[in-house]
Amino acid sequence: MNEYKIFVVDDDTFYLTLFKQQLINIGCEDISIFESGTDLLNSIQENPDVVFLDYRMDDFTGEEVLNKIKRYNPDIFVVVVSGQEGIQTAVNMLKQGAFDYLQKGEDELKKIKDVLQKIGEVKDFMERNKPNLIKRFFKK
C-alpha cells in the first residue's frame, strides 16, 4: 500500500486531515490532499495511482471530477467517498468508472484498507496478464 501515489480530495478540511492520518496509519506515504476538485484537477498530471474523491464538494460535484479524471487517464483508480447512503448514488458513480464507493463513518479504516487491497489485487492481475494481451495483439 505504501507504493501508491494517493490523492485525497474533500472540501471538509477536518475530514481531509483525518482521512490522510488514516492512510498514514496503514502505511501509505505518498499522499497529497486537496480541498477542491479544481485543485485536484490542476495536479492530475502527477498521475496518482488512487484518488479518494468526495462526492459533494463546493466547486465541482464528485461526478464531474470523476469524469474529468477518467478522460485524462482511465487507469487511475477512483474511489468515491461520501456520507450519502443512497444506493443510486453509488451505482451511478460505479457506472461512470469509479472503482469503488465508500460511505463515511463506521469502520472507515477497515474499508480503506480493503479497497486498497482490492486495487493491489487488480493491479497485480493486470500486470501478470499484460504480456499475454500484447502477445495476443501481435498474433493477429
N, C-alpha and C. Protein backbone atom coordinates (compact mmCIF):
# COMPACT_ATOMS: atom_id res chain seq x y z
N MET A 1 0.81 -1.20 0.00
CA MET A 1 0.00 0.00 0.00
C MET A 1 0.85 1.26 0.00
N ASN A 2 2.06 1.14 0.57
CA ASN A 2 2.87 2.34 0.66
C ASN A 2 3.48 2.73 -0.68
N GLU A 3 3.35 1.89 -1.70
CA GLU A 3 3.92 2.22 -3.00
C GLU A 3 2.97 3.07 -3.86
N TYR A 4 1.75 3.26 -3.43
CA TYR A 4 0.78 4.03 -4.21
C TYR A 4 0.94 5.53 -4.02
N LYS A 5 0.79 6.24 -5.11
CA LYS A 5 0.67 7.70 -5.05
C LYS A 5 -0.82 7.97 -4.90
N ILE A 6 -1.19 8.56 -3.77
CA ILE A 6 -2.61 8.73 -3.43
C ILE A 6 -2.97 10.21 -3.35
N PHE A 7 -4.08 10.55 -4.00
CA PHE A 7 -4.68 11.88 -3.88
C PHE A 7 -5.97 11.74 -3.09
N VAL A 8 -6.21 12.68 -2.20
CA VAL A 8 -7.47 12.72 -1.45
C VAL A 8 -8.05 14.11 -1.62
N VAL A 9 -9.32 14.18 -2.01
CA VAL A 9 -9.97 15.48 -2.17
C VAL A 9 -11.28 15.49 -1.38
N ASP A 10 -11.41 16.53 -0.54
CA ASP A 10 -12.62 16.71 0.25
C ASP A 10 -12.66 18.18 0.67
N ASP A 11 -13.80 18.82 0.59
CA ASP A 11 -13.88 20.23 0.95
C ASP A 11 -14.01 20.45 2.45
N ASP A 12 -14.07 19.39 3.23
CA ASP A 12 -14.08 19.47 4.68
C ASP A 12 -12.64 19.26 5.19
N THR A 13 -11.99 20.34 5.58
CA THR A 13 -10.58 20.30 5.97
C THR A 13 -10.33 19.34 7.12
N PHE A 14 -11.20 19.31 8.10
CA PHE A 14 -11.04 18.42 9.24
C PHE A 14 -11.07 16.96 8.77
N TYR A 15 -12.06 16.62 7.96
CA TYR A 15 -12.18 15.25 7.47
C TYR A 15 -10.98 14.88 6.61
N LEU A 16 -10.54 15.82 5.80
CA LEU A 16 -9.39 15.60 4.91
C LEU A 16 -8.15 15.23 5.73
N THR A 17 -7.90 15.97 6.79
CA THR A 17 -6.77 15.70 7.67
C THR A 17 -6.91 14.34 8.35
N LEU A 18 -8.11 14.03 8.80
CA LEU A 18 -8.40 12.74 9.43
C LEU A 18 -8.17 11.59 8.45
N PHE A 19 -8.65 11.74 7.23
CA PHE A 19 -8.51 10.70 6.21
C PHE A 19 -7.03 10.47 5.90
N LYS A 20 -6.27 11.57 5.76
CA LYS A 20 -4.84 11.44 5.49
C LYS A 20 -4.15 10.68 6.63
N GLN A 21 -4.52 10.99 7.86
CA GLN A 21 -3.91 10.30 9.00
C GLN A 21 -4.25 8.81 8.99
N GLN A 22 -5.45 8.48 8.58
CA GLN A 22 -5.82 7.05 8.49
C GLN A 22 -4.95 6.35 7.45
N LEU A 23 -4.68 7.01 6.33
CA LEU A 23 -3.82 6.43 5.30
C LEU A 23 -2.39 6.24 5.84
N ILE A 24 -1.90 7.23 6.55
CA ILE A 24 -0.56 7.13 7.16
C ILE A 24 -0.52 5.96 8.14
N ASN A 25 -1.58 5.81 8.92
CA ASN A 25 -1.64 4.73 9.92
C ASN A 25 -1.57 3.34 9.31
N ILE A 26 -1.99 3.19 8.06
CA ILE A 26 -1.93 1.87 7.43
C ILE A 26 -0.70 1.72 6.52
N GLY A 27 0.20 2.70 6.60
CA GLY A 27 1.47 2.57 5.89
C GLY A 27 1.61 3.32 4.59
N CYS A 28 0.63 4.11 4.22
CA CYS A 28 0.74 4.91 2.98
C CYS A 28 1.66 6.10 3.24
N GLU A 29 2.47 6.43 2.25
CA GLU A 29 3.43 7.50 2.43
C GLU A 29 3.26 8.65 1.43
N ASP A 30 2.98 8.34 0.18
CA ASP A 30 2.90 9.36 -0.86
C ASP A 30 1.44 9.84 -0.99
N ILE A 31 1.07 10.80 -0.15
CA ILE A 31 -0.32 11.26 -0.07
C ILE A 31 -0.36 12.76 -0.32
N SER A 32 -1.20 13.18 -1.25
CA SER A 32 -1.44 14.60 -1.49
C SER A 32 -2.90 14.88 -1.20
N ILE A 33 -3.16 15.99 -0.51
CA ILE A 33 -4.54 16.32 -0.19
C ILE A 33 -4.95 17.62 -0.88
N PHE A 34 -6.24 17.68 -1.23
CA PHE A 34 -6.79 18.82 -1.95
C PHE A 34 -8.14 19.17 -1.36
N GLU A 35 -8.41 20.46 -1.25
CA GLU A 35 -9.67 20.92 -0.67
C GLU A 35 -10.73 21.21 -1.71
N SER A 36 -10.41 21.02 -2.99
CA SER A 36 -11.42 21.24 -4.03
C SER A 36 -11.11 20.38 -5.24
N GLY A 37 -12.13 20.14 -6.02
CA GLY A 37 -11.96 19.40 -7.27
C GLY A 37 -11.03 20.14 -8.22
N THR A 38 -11.11 21.46 -8.22
CA THR A 38 -10.25 22.27 -9.09
C THR A 38 -8.78 22.06 -8.74
N ASP A 39 -8.46 22.10 -7.43
CA ASP A 39 -7.07 21.89 -7.01
C ASP A 39 -6.57 20.51 -7.43
N LEU A 40 -7.40 19.51 -7.25
CA LEU A 40 -7.03 18.16 -7.66
C LEU A 40 -6.77 18.10 -9.16
N LEU A 41 -7.69 18.63 -9.94
CA LEU A 41 -7.55 18.57 -11.40
C LEU A 41 -6.33 19.35 -11.89
N ASN A 42 -5.95 20.41 -11.17
CA ASN A 42 -4.75 21.16 -11.53
C ASN A 42 -3.47 20.36 -11.30
N SER A 43 -3.56 19.28 -10.54
CA SER A 43 -2.39 18.44 -10.26
C SER A 43 -2.50 17.04 -10.84
N ILE A 44 -3.52 16.78 -11.64
CA ILE A 44 -3.78 15.43 -12.13
C ILE A 44 -2.64 14.90 -13.02
N GLN A 45 -1.86 15.81 -13.62
CA GLN A 45 -0.74 15.38 -14.47
C GLN A 45 0.34 14.65 -13.66
N GLU A 46 0.26 14.69 -12.32
CA GLU A 46 1.19 13.92 -11.48
C GLU A 46 0.84 12.44 -11.49
N ASN A 47 -0.26 12.08 -12.13
CA ASN A 47 -0.69 10.69 -12.31
C ASN A 47 -0.72 9.86 -11.04
N PRO A 48 -1.65 10.17 -10.16
CA PRO A 48 -1.78 9.33 -8.95
C PRO A 48 -2.25 7.94 -9.33
N ASP A 49 -1.96 6.98 -8.47
CA ASP A 49 -2.48 5.62 -8.68
C ASP A 49 -3.93 5.55 -8.22
N VAL A 50 -4.21 6.23 -7.09
CA VAL A 50 -5.53 6.16 -6.46
C VAL A 50 -5.99 7.56 -6.08
N VAL A 51 -7.26 7.84 -6.34
CA VAL A 51 -7.88 9.10 -5.90
C VAL A 51 -9.07 8.75 -5.02
N PHE A 52 -9.04 9.25 -3.78
CA PHE A 52 -10.21 9.17 -2.92
C PHE A 52 -10.96 10.48 -3.09
N LEU A 53 -12.14 10.41 -3.65
CA LEU A 53 -12.87 11.58 -4.12
C LEU A 53 -14.17 11.77 -3.34
N ASP A 54 -14.30 12.93 -2.72
CA ASP A 54 -15.55 13.28 -2.04
C ASP A 54 -16.66 13.45 -3.08
N TYR A 55 -17.84 12.99 -2.75
CA TYR A 55 -18.96 13.09 -3.69
C TYR A 55 -19.52 14.51 -3.76
N ARG A 56 -19.63 15.17 -2.63
CA ARG A 56 -20.19 16.53 -2.60
C ARG A 56 -19.12 17.55 -2.25
N MET A 57 -18.86 18.43 -3.21
CA MET A 57 -17.88 19.50 -2.99
C MET A 57 -18.48 20.81 -3.45
N ASP A 58 -17.83 21.90 -3.07
CA ASP A 58 -18.36 23.22 -3.40
C ASP A 58 -18.20 23.60 -4.87
N ASP A 59 -17.03 23.31 -5.46
CA ASP A 59 -16.78 23.80 -6.82
C ASP A 59 -17.30 22.86 -7.91
N PHE A 60 -17.00 21.60 -7.82
CA PHE A 60 -17.48 20.60 -8.77
C PHE A 60 -18.13 19.48 -7.97
N THR A 61 -19.03 18.75 -8.59
CA THR A 61 -19.53 17.55 -7.94
C THR A 61 -18.49 16.45 -8.12
N GLY A 62 -18.57 15.43 -7.29
CA GLY A 62 -17.68 14.29 -7.45
C GLY A 62 -17.84 13.65 -8.82
N GLU A 63 -19.06 13.67 -9.32
CA GLU A 63 -19.35 13.10 -10.63
C GLU A 63 -18.58 13.85 -11.73
N GLU A 64 -18.57 15.17 -11.66
CA GLU A 64 -17.85 15.97 -12.67
C GLU A 64 -16.36 15.72 -12.59
N VAL A 65 -15.82 15.66 -11.38
CA VAL A 65 -14.39 15.42 -11.21
C VAL A 65 -14.02 14.01 -11.69
N LEU A 66 -14.84 13.03 -11.35
CA LEU A 66 -14.62 11.65 -11.81
C LEU A 66 -14.53 11.61 -13.33
N ASN A 67 -15.46 12.24 -14.01
CA ASN A 67 -15.46 12.24 -15.48
C ASN A 67 -14.20 12.87 -16.04
N LYS A 68 -13.75 13.95 -15.43
CA LYS A 68 -12.53 14.62 -15.91
C LYS A 68 -11.29 13.76 -15.66
N ILE A 69 -11.23 13.10 -14.51
CA ILE A 69 -10.10 12.21 -14.21
C ILE A 69 -10.06 11.09 -15.23
N LYS A 70 -11.20 10.46 -15.47
CA LYS A 70 -11.26 9.32 -16.38
C LYS A 70 -10.94 9.71 -17.82
N ARG A 71 -11.31 10.94 -18.21
CA ARG A 71 -10.94 11.41 -19.55
C ARG A 71 -9.43 11.62 -19.64
N TYR A 72 -8.83 12.09 -18.55
CA TYR A 72 -7.39 12.31 -18.55
C TYR A 72 -6.63 10.99 -18.55
N ASN A 73 -7.00 10.08 -17.65
CA ASN A 73 -6.32 8.79 -17.56
C ASN A 73 -7.29 7.75 -16.99
N PRO A 74 -7.83 6.90 -17.84
CA PRO A 74 -8.81 5.90 -17.37
C PRO A 74 -8.22 4.85 -16.43
N ASP A 75 -6.89 4.80 -16.29
CA ASP A 75 -6.27 3.79 -15.44
C ASP A 75 -6.11 4.24 -13.99
N ILE A 76 -6.48 5.48 -13.67
CA ILE A 76 -6.42 5.94 -12.29
C ILE A 76 -7.60 5.32 -11.54
N PHE A 77 -7.31 4.71 -10.41
CA PHE A 77 -8.36 4.11 -9.58
C PHE A 77 -9.02 5.21 -8.76
N VAL A 78 -10.30 5.45 -8.99
CA VAL A 78 -11.04 6.48 -8.26
C VAL A 78 -12.01 5.81 -7.30
N VAL A 79 -11.88 6.15 -6.03
CA VAL A 79 -12.77 5.64 -5.00
C VAL A 79 -13.57 6.82 -4.48
N VAL A 80 -14.87 6.76 -4.67
CA VAL A 80 -15.75 7.84 -4.22
C VAL A 80 -16.05 7.63 -2.74
N VAL A 81 -15.91 8.71 -1.96
CA VAL A 81 -16.15 8.67 -0.53
C VAL A 81 -17.26 9.66 -0.24
N SER A 82 -18.30 9.19 0.44
CA SER A 82 -19.43 10.08 0.66
C SER A 82 -20.20 9.72 1.93
N GLY A 83 -20.85 10.71 2.46
CA GLY A 83 -21.76 10.50 3.58
C GLY A 83 -23.14 10.08 3.10
N GLN A 84 -23.34 10.09 1.80
CA GLN A 84 -24.63 9.72 1.21
C GLN A 84 -24.88 8.22 1.38
N GLU A 85 -26.07 7.89 1.80
CA GLU A 85 -26.42 6.47 1.94
C GLU A 85 -27.10 5.92 0.70
N GLY A 86 -27.55 6.78 -0.17
CA GLY A 86 -28.32 6.35 -1.32
C GLY A 86 -27.57 5.39 -2.22
N ILE A 87 -28.15 4.24 -2.44
CA ILE A 87 -27.52 3.22 -3.28
C ILE A 87 -27.45 3.70 -4.73
N GLN A 88 -28.39 4.53 -5.14
CA GLN A 88 -28.39 5.01 -6.52
C GLN A 88 -27.17 5.88 -6.81
N THR A 89 -26.75 6.67 -5.84
CA THR A 89 -25.54 7.49 -6.00
C THR A 89 -24.35 6.59 -6.25
N ALA A 90 -24.21 5.56 -5.46
CA ALA A 90 -23.09 4.62 -5.62
C ALA A 90 -23.14 3.95 -6.99
N VAL A 91 -24.30 3.49 -7.38
CA VAL A 91 -24.45 2.81 -8.67
C VAL A 91 -24.06 3.74 -9.81
N ASN A 92 -24.53 4.99 -9.77
CA ASN A 92 -24.21 5.95 -10.83
C ASN A 92 -22.71 6.19 -10.93
N MET A 93 -22.05 6.33 -9.78
CA MET A 93 -20.61 6.59 -9.80
C MET A 93 -19.84 5.38 -10.32
N LEU A 94 -20.26 4.19 -9.96
CA LEU A 94 -19.60 2.98 -10.45
C LEU A 94 -19.79 2.83 -11.96
N LYS A 95 -20.98 3.18 -12.45
CA LYS A 95 -21.25 3.11 -13.89
C LYS A 95 -20.36 4.08 -14.66
N GLN A 96 -19.99 5.18 -14.02
CA GLN A 96 -19.17 6.19 -14.69
C GLN A 96 -17.68 5.94 -14.54
N GLY A 97 -17.32 4.85 -13.91
CA GLY A 97 -15.90 4.48 -13.88
C GLY A 97 -15.24 4.48 -12.52
N ALA A 98 -15.97 4.78 -11.46
CA ALA A 98 -15.37 4.71 -10.13
C ALA A 98 -15.04 3.24 -9.83
N PHE A 99 -13.92 3.01 -9.16
CA PHE A 99 -13.54 1.65 -8.80
C PHE A 99 -14.39 1.14 -7.65
N ASP A 100 -14.69 2.02 -6.71
CA ASP A 100 -15.47 1.62 -5.55
C ASP A 100 -16.11 2.85 -4.93
N TYR A 101 -16.98 2.60 -3.96
CA TYR A 101 -17.72 3.66 -3.28
C TYR A 101 -17.68 3.35 -1.78
N LEU A 102 -17.14 4.27 -1.00
CA LEU A 102 -17.08 4.08 0.45
C LEU A 102 -17.98 5.10 1.13
N GLN A 103 -18.71 4.62 2.10
CA GLN A 103 -19.54 5.53 2.89
C GLN A 103 -18.75 5.98 4.11
N LYS A 104 -18.73 7.28 4.35
CA LYS A 104 -18.03 7.84 5.50
C LYS A 104 -18.66 7.31 6.78
N GLY A 105 -17.83 7.17 7.80
CA GLY A 105 -18.37 6.79 9.10
C GLY A 105 -17.76 5.54 9.66
N GLU A 106 -18.63 4.69 10.14
CA GLU A 106 -18.23 3.49 10.87
C GLU A 106 -17.32 2.58 10.05
N ASP A 107 -16.31 2.02 10.72
CA ASP A 107 -15.37 1.07 10.10
C ASP A 107 -14.66 1.63 8.87
N GLU A 108 -14.46 2.92 8.85
CA GLU A 108 -13.85 3.55 7.68
C GLU A 108 -12.43 3.07 7.42
N LEU A 109 -11.63 2.94 8.47
CA LEU A 109 -10.26 2.49 8.30
C LEU A 109 -10.20 1.10 7.67
N LYS A 110 -11.06 0.21 8.11
CA LYS A 110 -11.12 -1.13 7.52
C LYS A 110 -11.54 -1.05 6.04
N LYS A 111 -12.50 -0.19 5.74
CA LYS A 111 -12.95 -0.03 4.35
C LYS A 111 -11.82 0.48 3.46
N ILE A 112 -11.04 1.43 3.98
CA ILE A 112 -9.92 1.98 3.21
C ILE A 112 -8.89 0.88 2.95
N LYS A 113 -8.54 0.13 3.98
CA LYS A 113 -7.58 -0.97 3.82
C LYS A 113 -8.09 -1.98 2.81
N ASP A 114 -9.36 -2.34 2.91
CA ASP A 114 -9.94 -3.33 2.00
C ASP A 114 -9.89 -2.87 0.54
N VAL A 115 -10.25 -1.60 0.31
CA VAL A 115 -10.28 -1.12 -1.07
C VAL A 115 -8.86 -1.02 -1.64
N LEU A 116 -7.89 -0.62 -0.82
CA LEU A 116 -6.51 -0.57 -1.30
C LEU A 116 -5.99 -1.97 -1.59
N GLN A 117 -6.40 -2.95 -0.80
CA GLN A 117 -6.02 -4.34 -1.07
C GLN A 117 -6.63 -4.82 -2.38
N LYS A 118 -7.91 -4.48 -2.62
CA LYS A 118 -8.56 -4.86 -3.88
C LYS A 118 -7.85 -4.22 -5.07
N ILE A 119 -7.47 -2.96 -4.92
CA ILE A 119 -6.75 -2.27 -6.00
C ILE A 119 -5.43 -3.00 -6.27
N GLY A 120 -4.74 -3.39 -5.22
CA GLY A 120 -3.49 -4.12 -5.37
C GLY A 120 -3.69 -5.43 -6.13
N GLU A 121 -4.76 -6.13 -5.81
CA GLU A 121 -5.05 -7.40 -6.49
C GLU A 121 -5.35 -7.17 -7.97
N VAL A 122 -6.10 -6.14 -8.27
CA VAL A 122 -6.43 -5.82 -9.67
C VAL A 122 -5.15 -5.43 -10.43
N LYS A 123 -4.33 -4.58 -9.81
CA LYS A 123 -3.07 -4.17 -10.46
C LYS A 123 -2.17 -5.37 -10.71
N ASP A 124 -2.06 -6.28 -9.74
CA ASP A 124 -1.25 -7.48 -9.92
C ASP A 124 -1.78 -8.33 -11.05
N PHE A 125 -3.09 -8.51 -11.09
CA PHE A 125 -3.71 -9.30 -12.15
C PHE A 125 -3.42 -8.68 -13.52
N MET A 126 -3.57 -7.36 -13.60
CA MET A 126 -3.33 -6.67 -14.87
C MET A 126 -1.87 -6.80 -15.29
N GLU A 127 -0.95 -6.69 -14.35
CA GLU A 127 0.48 -6.83 -14.66
C GLU A 127 0.81 -8.24 -15.15
N ARG A 128 0.26 -9.24 -14.46
CA ARG A 128 0.52 -10.63 -14.85
C ARG A 128 -0.03 -10.94 -16.24
N ASN A 129 -1.12 -10.31 -16.62
CA ASN A 129 -1.76 -10.62 -17.89
C ASN A 129 -1.38 -9.68 -19.02
N LYS A 130 -0.62 -8.65 -18.71
CA LYS A 130 -0.23 -7.69 -19.74
C LYS A 130 0.56 -8.34 -20.87
N PRO A 131 1.57 -9.17 -20.58
CA PRO A 131 2.31 -9.79 -21.69
C PRO A 131 1.41 -10.65 -22.57
N ASN A 132 0.46 -11.34 -21.97
CA ASN A 132 -0.45 -12.17 -22.76
C ASN A 132 -1.30 -11.31 -23.68
N LEU A 133 -1.74 -10.16 -23.21
CA LEU A 133 -2.53 -9.26 -24.06
C LEU A 133 -1.70 -8.76 -25.23
N ILE A 134 -0.45 -8.42 -24.98
CA ILE A 134 0.42 -7.93 -26.05
C ILE A 134 0.68 -9.04 -27.05
N LYS A 135 0.97 -10.26 -26.56
CA LYS A 135 1.19 -11.39 -27.46
C LYS A 135 -0.02 -11.65 -28.33
N ARG A 136 -1.21 -11.63 -27.72
CA ARG A 136 -2.44 -11.87 -28.48
C ARG A 136 -2.64 -10.80 -29.55
N PHE A 137 -2.30 -9.58 -29.23
CA PHE A 137 -2.47 -8.49 -30.16
C PHE A 137 -1.58 -8.68 -31.40
N PHE A 138 -0.33 -9.08 -31.18
CA PHE A 138 0.61 -9.22 -32.27
C PHE A 138 0.44 -10.51 -33.06
N LYS A 139 -0.30 -11.47 -32.53
CA LYS A 139 -0.54 -12.72 -33.23
C LYS A 139 -1.54 -12.52 -34.37
N LYS A 140 -2.38 -11.50 -34.25
CA LYS A 140 -3.43 -11.31 -35.27
C LYS A 140 -2.93 -10.71 -36.52
